[in-house]
Amino acid sequence: MLRITETVYIPWTELRFIACRSSGPGGQHVNTADTRVTLLFDVENSPSLTQLQKVAIRGKLKRRMDKHGVLQVTSQKFRSQKSNKDSAVERFVELMQWALKPVVPRKETRVPKSAKRKRLDRKKRTAERKQGRKLPDFSGEY
């Protein structure tokens, strides 16, 4: 069982791994070894998650999911398949923890009176400074 949070555990049988060729430099080895690992997790059909958790995951991780509700996490950082598999599982756990973290509602606050007063004083000083730049009125009336 893979522990996501204190209450959410996902059995290894629900995870699928696909290995394919990694991109980038690496010489002759990269052309023959399937080192990139893609972890697939079917969120929609998972019995380990509640409906509410599925909605939260769909909302936050929709860019990483295909149209069938399968979450994909890919790793190709390392030159060995096992290291990439471990990296993909680690990233999967991080993503799931982030997606399942409850959203804390924003506590509304007001602007303090002192901040309003400072802003208005600053505006007044700027206006006075600009008024001082004007040329005096020489219309002839004294």
N, C-alpha and C. Protein backbone atom coordinates (compact mmCIF):
# COMPACT_ATOMS: atom_id res chain seq x y z
N MET A 1 0.84 -1.19 0.00
CA MET A 1 0.00 0.00 0.00
C MET A 1 0.88 1.25 0.00
N LEU A 2 0.49 2.20 -0.80
CA LEU A 2 1.21 3.46 -0.91
C LEU A 2 0.46 4.50 -0.09
N ARG A 3 1.14 5.08 0.90
CA ARG A 3 0.50 6.04 1.80
C ARG A 3 0.55 7.43 1.18
N ILE A 4 -0.62 8.03 1.00
CA ILE A 4 -0.71 9.38 0.46
C ILE A 4 -0.87 10.37 1.60
N THR A 5 -1.91 10.21 2.39
CA THR A 5 -2.13 11.00 3.60
C THR A 5 -2.39 10.03 4.74
N GLU A 6 -2.75 10.57 5.89
CA GLU A 6 -3.02 9.70 7.03
C GLU A 6 -4.24 8.81 6.80
N THR A 7 -5.16 9.25 5.95
CA THR A 7 -6.38 8.48 5.72
C THR A 7 -6.46 7.85 4.35
N VAL A 8 -5.61 8.26 3.43
CA VAL A 8 -5.69 7.77 2.04
C VAL A 8 -4.50 6.85 1.75
N TYR A 9 -4.81 5.63 1.38
CA TYR A 9 -3.81 4.65 0.97
C TYR A 9 -4.23 4.11 -0.39
N ILE A 10 -3.26 3.94 -1.28
CA ILE A 10 -3.55 3.40 -2.61
C ILE A 10 -2.75 2.11 -2.78
N PRO A 11 -3.41 1.01 -3.12
CA PRO A 11 -2.68 -0.24 -3.32
C PRO A 11 -1.83 -0.17 -4.59
N TRP A 12 -0.70 -0.85 -4.55
CA TRP A 12 0.22 -0.86 -5.70
C TRP A 12 -0.46 -1.44 -6.94
N THR A 13 -1.48 -2.26 -6.75
CA THR A 13 -2.14 -2.88 -7.90
C THR A 13 -2.92 -1.87 -8.74
N GLU A 14 -3.25 -0.71 -8.16
CA GLU A 14 -3.96 0.32 -8.91
C GLU A 14 -3.04 1.18 -9.77
N LEU A 15 -1.73 1.05 -9.55
CA LEU A 15 -0.77 1.83 -10.33
C LEU A 15 -0.23 0.98 -11.47
N ARG A 16 -0.13 1.60 -12.65
CA ARG A 16 0.48 0.93 -13.80
C ARG A 16 1.70 1.72 -14.22
N PHE A 17 2.71 1.01 -14.68
CA PHE A 17 3.94 1.67 -15.12
C PHE A 17 4.21 1.29 -16.57
N ILE A 18 4.60 2.29 -17.37
CA ILE A 18 4.98 2.06 -18.76
C ILE A 18 6.39 2.61 -18.92
N ALA A 19 7.27 1.83 -19.50
CA ALA A 19 8.64 2.26 -19.76
C ALA A 19 8.82 2.47 -21.25
N CYS A 20 9.48 3.56 -21.62
CA CYS A 20 9.77 3.82 -23.03
C CYS A 20 11.09 4.57 -23.12
N ARG A 21 11.51 4.86 -24.32
CA ARG A 21 12.81 5.49 -24.51
C ARG A 21 12.78 6.94 -24.06
N SER A 22 13.82 7.31 -23.37
CA SER A 22 13.96 8.65 -22.86
C SER A 22 14.51 9.56 -23.94
N SER A 23 14.18 10.84 -23.87
CA SER A 23 14.70 11.78 -24.87
C SER A 23 15.99 12.40 -24.34
N GLY A 24 16.66 13.12 -25.21
CA GLY A 24 17.86 13.84 -24.80
C GLY A 24 19.12 13.07 -25.05
N PRO A 25 20.27 13.66 -24.68
CA PRO A 25 21.56 13.04 -24.95
C PRO A 25 21.80 11.80 -24.10
N GLY A 26 22.72 10.98 -24.51
CA GLY A 26 23.03 9.78 -23.74
C GLY A 26 23.81 8.76 -24.54
N GLY A 27 24.12 9.06 -25.77
CA GLY A 27 24.93 8.14 -26.59
C GLY A 27 24.15 6.92 -27.02
N GLN A 28 24.87 5.82 -27.20
CA GLN A 28 24.26 4.60 -27.71
C GLN A 28 23.29 3.99 -26.70
N HIS A 29 23.55 4.21 -25.41
CA HIS A 29 22.71 3.61 -24.37
C HIS A 29 21.26 4.08 -24.48
N VAL A 30 21.07 5.39 -24.77
CA VAL A 30 19.72 5.94 -24.78
C VAL A 30 18.90 5.38 -25.94
N ASN A 31 19.56 4.91 -26.99
CA ASN A 31 18.83 4.39 -28.13
C ASN A 31 18.31 2.97 -27.91
N THR A 32 18.79 2.30 -26.89
CA THR A 32 18.40 0.90 -26.68
C THR A 32 17.65 0.67 -25.38
N ALA A 33 17.86 1.53 -24.39
CA ALA A 33 17.28 1.28 -23.06
C ALA A 33 15.98 2.06 -22.88
N ASP A 34 14.97 1.40 -22.34
CA ASP A 34 13.70 2.06 -22.03
C ASP A 34 13.76 2.57 -20.59
N THR A 35 14.27 3.79 -20.43
CA THR A 35 14.49 4.30 -19.07
C THR A 35 13.42 5.28 -18.61
N ARG A 36 12.70 5.93 -19.50
CA ARG A 36 11.64 6.84 -19.08
C ARG A 36 10.47 6.02 -18.56
N VAL A 37 9.93 6.43 -17.41
CA VAL A 37 8.83 5.70 -16.79
C VAL A 37 7.63 6.64 -16.66
N THR A 38 6.47 6.14 -17.07
CA THR A 38 5.21 6.87 -16.92
C THR A 38 4.33 6.08 -15.96
N LEU A 39 3.92 6.73 -14.89
CA LEU A 39 3.02 6.13 -13.91
C LEU A 39 1.60 6.50 -14.31
N LEU A 40 0.71 5.50 -14.37
CA LEU A 40 -0.69 5.73 -14.72
C LEU A 40 -1.57 5.33 -13.53
N PHE A 41 -2.49 6.22 -13.17
CA PHE A 41 -3.41 5.95 -12.07
C PHE A 41 -4.80 6.35 -12.51
N ASP A 42 -5.71 5.39 -12.53
CA ASP A 42 -7.09 5.64 -12.96
C ASP A 42 -7.88 6.23 -11.79
N VAL A 43 -8.00 7.54 -11.80
CA VAL A 43 -8.68 8.25 -10.71
C VAL A 43 -10.17 7.92 -10.71
N GLU A 44 -10.78 7.92 -11.88
CA GLU A 44 -12.23 7.73 -11.99
C GLU A 44 -12.70 6.38 -11.46
N ASN A 45 -11.93 5.33 -11.70
CA ASN A 45 -12.34 3.97 -11.32
C ASN A 45 -11.63 3.45 -10.07
N SER A 46 -11.01 4.32 -9.31
CA SER A 46 -10.28 3.89 -8.13
C SER A 46 -11.22 3.67 -6.95
N PRO A 47 -11.22 2.45 -6.38
CA PRO A 47 -12.07 2.22 -5.20
C PRO A 47 -11.46 2.79 -3.92
N SER A 48 -10.21 3.22 -3.97
CA SER A 48 -9.53 3.74 -2.78
C SER A 48 -9.89 5.18 -2.45
N LEU A 49 -10.52 5.87 -3.41
CA LEU A 49 -10.83 7.29 -3.22
C LEU A 49 -12.34 7.49 -3.10
N THR A 50 -12.72 8.46 -2.28
CA THR A 50 -14.14 8.82 -2.19
C THR A 50 -14.49 9.73 -3.37
N GLN A 51 -15.77 9.93 -3.57
CA GLN A 51 -16.21 10.78 -4.68
C GLN A 51 -15.72 12.21 -4.50
N LEU A 52 -15.71 12.69 -3.27
CA LEU A 52 -15.25 14.04 -2.97
C LEU A 52 -13.76 14.19 -3.28
N GLN A 53 -12.97 13.17 -2.94
CA GLN A 53 -11.54 13.20 -3.24
C GLN A 53 -11.30 13.18 -4.75
N LYS A 54 -12.10 12.40 -5.47
CA LYS A 54 -11.96 12.35 -6.93
C LYS A 54 -12.24 13.71 -7.55
N VAL A 55 -13.24 14.41 -7.03
CA VAL A 55 -13.56 15.75 -7.54
C VAL A 55 -12.41 16.70 -7.27
N ALA A 56 -11.82 16.62 -6.08
CA ALA A 56 -10.69 17.50 -5.73
C ALA A 56 -9.49 17.23 -6.64
N ILE A 57 -9.21 15.96 -6.89
CA ILE A 57 -8.08 15.60 -7.76
C ILE A 57 -8.35 16.05 -9.18
N ARG A 58 -9.58 15.82 -9.66
CA ARG A 58 -9.94 16.25 -11.02
C ARG A 58 -9.79 17.76 -11.17
N GLY A 59 -10.17 18.49 -10.14
CA GLY A 59 -10.10 19.96 -10.20
C GLY A 59 -8.67 20.48 -10.23
N LYS A 60 -7.81 19.90 -9.41
CA LYS A 60 -6.45 20.43 -9.30
C LYS A 60 -5.45 19.81 -10.27
N LEU A 61 -5.69 18.57 -10.70
CA LEU A 61 -4.72 17.89 -11.56
C LEU A 61 -5.27 17.60 -12.95
N LYS A 62 -6.24 18.39 -13.41
CA LYS A 62 -6.87 18.09 -14.70
C LYS A 62 -5.90 18.19 -15.87
N ARG A 63 -4.85 19.00 -15.75
CA ARG A 63 -3.87 19.12 -16.84
C ARG A 63 -3.03 17.85 -17.01
N ARG A 64 -2.94 17.06 -15.96
CA ARG A 64 -2.15 15.83 -16.00
C ARG A 64 -3.01 14.60 -16.29
N MET A 65 -4.31 14.81 -16.52
CA MET A 65 -5.21 13.69 -16.73
C MET A 65 -5.68 13.66 -18.18
N ASP A 66 -5.96 12.45 -18.67
CA ASP A 66 -6.51 12.34 -20.02
C ASP A 66 -8.04 12.37 -19.93
N LYS A 67 -8.71 12.24 -21.06
CA LYS A 67 -10.17 12.37 -21.08
C LYS A 67 -10.88 11.21 -20.39
N HIS A 68 -10.18 10.12 -20.11
CA HIS A 68 -10.77 8.96 -19.43
C HIS A 68 -10.56 9.02 -17.92
N GLY A 69 -9.91 10.07 -17.42
CA GLY A 69 -9.69 10.23 -15.99
C GLY A 69 -8.48 9.47 -15.47
N VAL A 70 -7.48 9.26 -16.34
CA VAL A 70 -6.27 8.57 -15.93
C VAL A 70 -5.17 9.61 -15.71
N LEU A 71 -4.63 9.63 -14.49
CA LEU A 71 -3.56 10.56 -14.12
C LEU A 71 -2.23 10.00 -14.61
N GLN A 72 -1.41 10.86 -15.22
CA GLN A 72 -0.11 10.44 -15.75
C GLN A 72 1.00 11.26 -15.11
N VAL A 73 2.01 10.55 -14.59
CA VAL A 73 3.19 11.19 -14.03
C VAL A 73 4.40 10.55 -14.70
N THR A 74 5.24 11.37 -15.33
CA THR A 74 6.38 10.86 -16.08
C THR A 74 7.68 11.30 -15.43
N SER A 75 8.68 10.42 -15.48
CA SER A 75 10.01 10.76 -14.97
C SER A 75 11.06 10.21 -15.93
N GLN A 76 12.02 11.08 -16.28
CA GLN A 76 13.14 10.65 -17.12
C GLN A 76 14.42 11.34 -16.68
N LYS A 77 14.50 11.67 -15.39
CA LYS A 77 15.66 12.38 -14.85
C LYS A 77 16.91 11.51 -14.81
N PHE A 78 16.71 10.24 -14.54
CA PHE A 78 17.85 9.36 -14.29
C PHE A 78 18.09 8.43 -15.47
N ARG A 79 19.25 7.76 -15.46
CA ARG A 79 19.59 6.86 -16.55
C ARG A 79 19.11 5.43 -16.29
N SER A 80 18.61 5.19 -15.10
CA SER A 80 18.11 3.83 -14.81
C SER A 80 16.60 3.85 -14.65
N GLN A 81 15.97 2.78 -15.09
CA GLN A 81 14.53 2.66 -15.04
C GLN A 81 14.02 2.65 -13.60
N LYS A 82 14.74 1.96 -12.73
CA LYS A 82 14.32 1.87 -11.33
C LYS A 82 14.33 3.24 -10.66
N SER A 83 15.36 4.02 -10.90
CA SER A 83 15.43 5.36 -10.30
C SER A 83 14.30 6.24 -10.82
N ASN A 84 14.00 6.13 -12.11
CA ASN A 84 12.91 6.91 -12.68
C ASN A 84 11.56 6.45 -12.13
N LYS A 85 11.41 5.15 -11.88
CA LYS A 85 10.17 4.64 -11.30
C LYS A 85 9.98 5.19 -9.88
N ASP A 86 11.05 5.16 -9.10
CA ASP A 86 10.99 5.70 -7.74
C ASP A 86 10.68 7.20 -7.76
N SER A 87 11.28 7.91 -8.71
CA SER A 87 11.04 9.34 -8.85
C SER A 87 9.59 9.63 -9.23
N ALA A 88 9.03 8.82 -10.13
CA ALA A 88 7.64 9.01 -10.56
C ALA A 88 6.69 8.74 -9.39
N VAL A 89 6.95 7.72 -8.60
CA VAL A 89 6.11 7.41 -7.44
C VAL A 89 6.18 8.55 -6.43
N GLU A 90 7.37 9.06 -6.20
CA GLU A 90 7.56 10.16 -5.25
C GLU A 90 6.79 11.40 -5.72
N ARG A 91 6.89 11.71 -6.99
CA ARG A 91 6.17 12.86 -7.55
C ARG A 91 4.65 12.65 -7.49
N PHE A 92 4.21 11.43 -7.74
CA PHE A 92 2.80 11.08 -7.67
C PHE A 92 2.26 11.33 -6.26
N VAL A 93 3.00 10.89 -5.25
CA VAL A 93 2.58 11.08 -3.86
C VAL A 93 2.50 12.58 -3.55
N GLU A 94 3.50 13.36 -3.99
CA GLU A 94 3.49 14.80 -3.75
C GLU A 94 2.27 15.46 -4.40
N LEU A 95 1.99 15.09 -5.65
CA LEU A 95 0.85 15.67 -6.36
C LEU A 95 -0.47 15.32 -5.68
N MET A 96 -0.60 14.07 -5.27
CA MET A 96 -1.83 13.63 -4.62
C MET A 96 -2.01 14.33 -3.27
N GLN A 97 -0.93 14.49 -2.51
CA GLN A 97 -1.02 15.19 -1.23
C GLN A 97 -1.46 16.64 -1.45
N TRP A 98 -0.90 17.27 -2.48
CA TRP A 98 -1.26 18.65 -2.78
C TRP A 98 -2.73 18.74 -3.19
N ALA A 99 -3.17 17.80 -4.03
CA ALA A 99 -4.55 17.84 -4.54
C ALA A 99 -5.56 17.54 -3.43
N LEU A 100 -5.20 16.71 -2.47
CA LEU A 100 -6.13 16.32 -1.42
C LEU A 100 -6.08 17.23 -0.19
N LYS A 101 -5.16 18.20 -0.20
CA LYS A 101 -5.07 19.13 0.93
C LYS A 101 -6.32 20.00 0.93
N PRO A 102 -7.01 20.11 2.07
CA PRO A 102 -8.24 20.91 2.09
C PRO A 102 -7.94 22.38 1.86
N VAL A 103 -8.84 23.04 1.16
CA VAL A 103 -8.68 24.46 0.86
C VAL A 103 -9.13 25.27 2.08
N VAL A 104 -8.24 26.09 2.59
CA VAL A 104 -8.57 26.92 3.74
C VAL A 104 -9.28 28.17 3.21
N PRO A 105 -10.50 28.43 3.68
CA PRO A 105 -11.21 29.61 3.18
C PRO A 105 -10.50 30.89 3.58
N ARG A 106 -10.54 31.86 2.68
CA ARG A 106 -9.86 33.12 2.92
C ARG A 106 -10.59 33.90 4.00
N LYS A 107 -9.82 34.41 4.94
CA LYS A 107 -10.38 35.21 6.02
C LYS A 107 -10.37 36.66 5.54
N GLU A 108 -11.55 37.23 5.39
CA GLU A 108 -11.64 38.59 4.88
C GLU A 108 -11.12 39.58 5.91
N THR A 109 -10.34 40.54 5.45
CA THR A 109 -9.80 41.57 6.32
C THR A 109 -10.14 42.94 5.74
N ARG A 110 -10.01 43.96 6.57
CA ARG A 110 -10.25 45.32 6.10
C ARG A 110 -8.93 46.07 6.07
N VAL A 111 -8.90 47.12 5.26
CA VAL A 111 -7.72 47.98 5.22
C VAL A 111 -7.73 48.82 6.48
N PRO A 112 -6.62 48.85 7.21
CA PRO A 112 -6.58 49.64 8.46
C PRO A 112 -6.75 51.13 8.18
N LYS A 113 -7.32 51.83 9.17
CA LYS A 113 -7.54 53.26 9.01
C LYS A 113 -6.22 54.00 8.80
N SER A 114 -5.17 53.55 9.48
CA SER A 114 -3.88 54.23 9.35
C SER A 114 -3.35 54.11 7.92
N ALA A 115 -3.57 52.98 7.28
CA ALA A 115 -3.12 52.80 5.91
C ALA A 115 -3.90 53.71 4.96
N LYS A 116 -5.22 53.84 5.19
CA LYS A 116 -6.03 54.74 4.37
C LYS A 116 -5.55 56.18 4.55
N ARG A 117 -5.29 56.58 5.81
CA ARG A 117 -4.84 57.93 6.10
C ARG A 117 -3.50 58.22 5.42
N LYS A 118 -2.57 57.27 5.51
CA LYS A 118 -1.26 57.45 4.86
C LYS A 118 -1.40 57.61 3.36
N ARG A 119 -2.27 56.79 2.75
CA ARG A 119 -2.46 56.86 1.31
C ARG A 119 -3.03 58.21 0.91
N LEU A 120 -4.01 58.70 1.66
CA LEU A 120 -4.61 60.00 1.34
C LEU A 120 -3.63 61.14 1.56
N ASP A 121 -2.81 61.06 2.61
CA ASP A 121 -1.78 62.08 2.86
C ASP A 121 -0.77 62.11 1.72
N ARG A 122 -0.38 60.94 1.27
CA ARG A 122 0.59 60.85 0.16
C ARG A 122 -0.01 61.45 -1.11
N LYS A 123 -1.29 61.17 -1.36
CA LYS A 123 -1.95 61.75 -2.53
C LYS A 123 -2.01 63.28 -2.42
N LYS A 124 -2.29 63.77 -1.21
CA LYS A 124 -2.39 65.22 -1.00
C LYS A 124 -1.04 65.89 -1.24
N ARG A 125 0.04 65.29 -0.71
CA ARG A 125 1.39 65.85 -0.92
C ARG A 125 1.76 65.87 -2.39
N THR A 126 1.41 64.79 -3.11
CA THR A 126 1.70 64.73 -4.55
C THR A 126 0.94 65.81 -5.30
N ALA A 127 -0.31 66.02 -4.95
CA ALA A 127 -1.12 67.06 -5.59
C ALA A 127 -0.55 68.44 -5.32
N GLU A 128 -0.13 68.69 -4.08
CA GLU A 128 0.46 69.99 -3.74
C GLU A 128 1.76 70.21 -4.49
N ARG A 129 2.57 69.18 -4.62
CA ARG A 129 3.83 69.28 -5.35
C ARG A 129 3.56 69.63 -6.81
N LYS A 130 2.57 69.00 -7.41
CA LYS A 130 2.25 69.28 -8.81
C LYS A 130 1.66 70.68 -8.97
N GLN A 131 0.87 71.14 -7.99
CA GLN A 131 0.32 72.50 -8.04
C GLN A 131 1.45 73.53 -7.99
N GLY A 132 2.48 73.22 -7.22
CA GLY A 132 3.62 74.13 -7.11
C GLY A 132 4.42 74.26 -8.40
N ARG A 133 4.28 73.31 -9.31
CA ARG A 133 5.01 73.36 -10.58
C ARG A 133 4.33 74.26 -11.61
N LYS A 134 3.08 74.63 -11.38
CA LYS A 134 2.35 75.45 -12.35
C LYS A 134 2.94 76.85 -12.40
N LEU A 135 2.88 77.45 -13.57
CA LEU A 135 3.29 78.82 -13.73
C LEU A 135 2.25 79.73 -13.07
N PRO A 136 2.71 80.85 -12.49
CA PRO A 136 1.73 81.76 -11.89
C PRO A 136 0.85 82.39 -12.96
N ASP A 137 -0.35 82.77 -12.55
CA ASP A 137 -1.31 83.34 -13.49
C ASP A 137 -1.04 84.84 -13.63
N PHE A 138 -0.62 85.27 -14.84
CA PHE A 138 -0.33 86.69 -15.09
C PHE A 138 -1.42 87.28 -15.98
N SER A 139 -2.65 87.16 -15.60
CA SER A 139 -3.74 87.66 -16.42
C SER A 139 -3.93 89.16 -16.28
N GLY A 140 -3.30 89.79 -15.30
CA GLY A 140 -3.37 91.24 -15.15
C GLY A 140 -4.29 91.66 -14.04
N GLU A 141 -4.98 90.79 -13.43
CA GLU A 141 -5.88 91.17 -12.34
C GLU A 141 -5.10 91.16 -11.03
N TYR A 142 -5.18 92.34 -10.32
CA TYR A 142 -4.51 92.43 -9.03
C TYR A 142 -5.48 92.69 -7.95
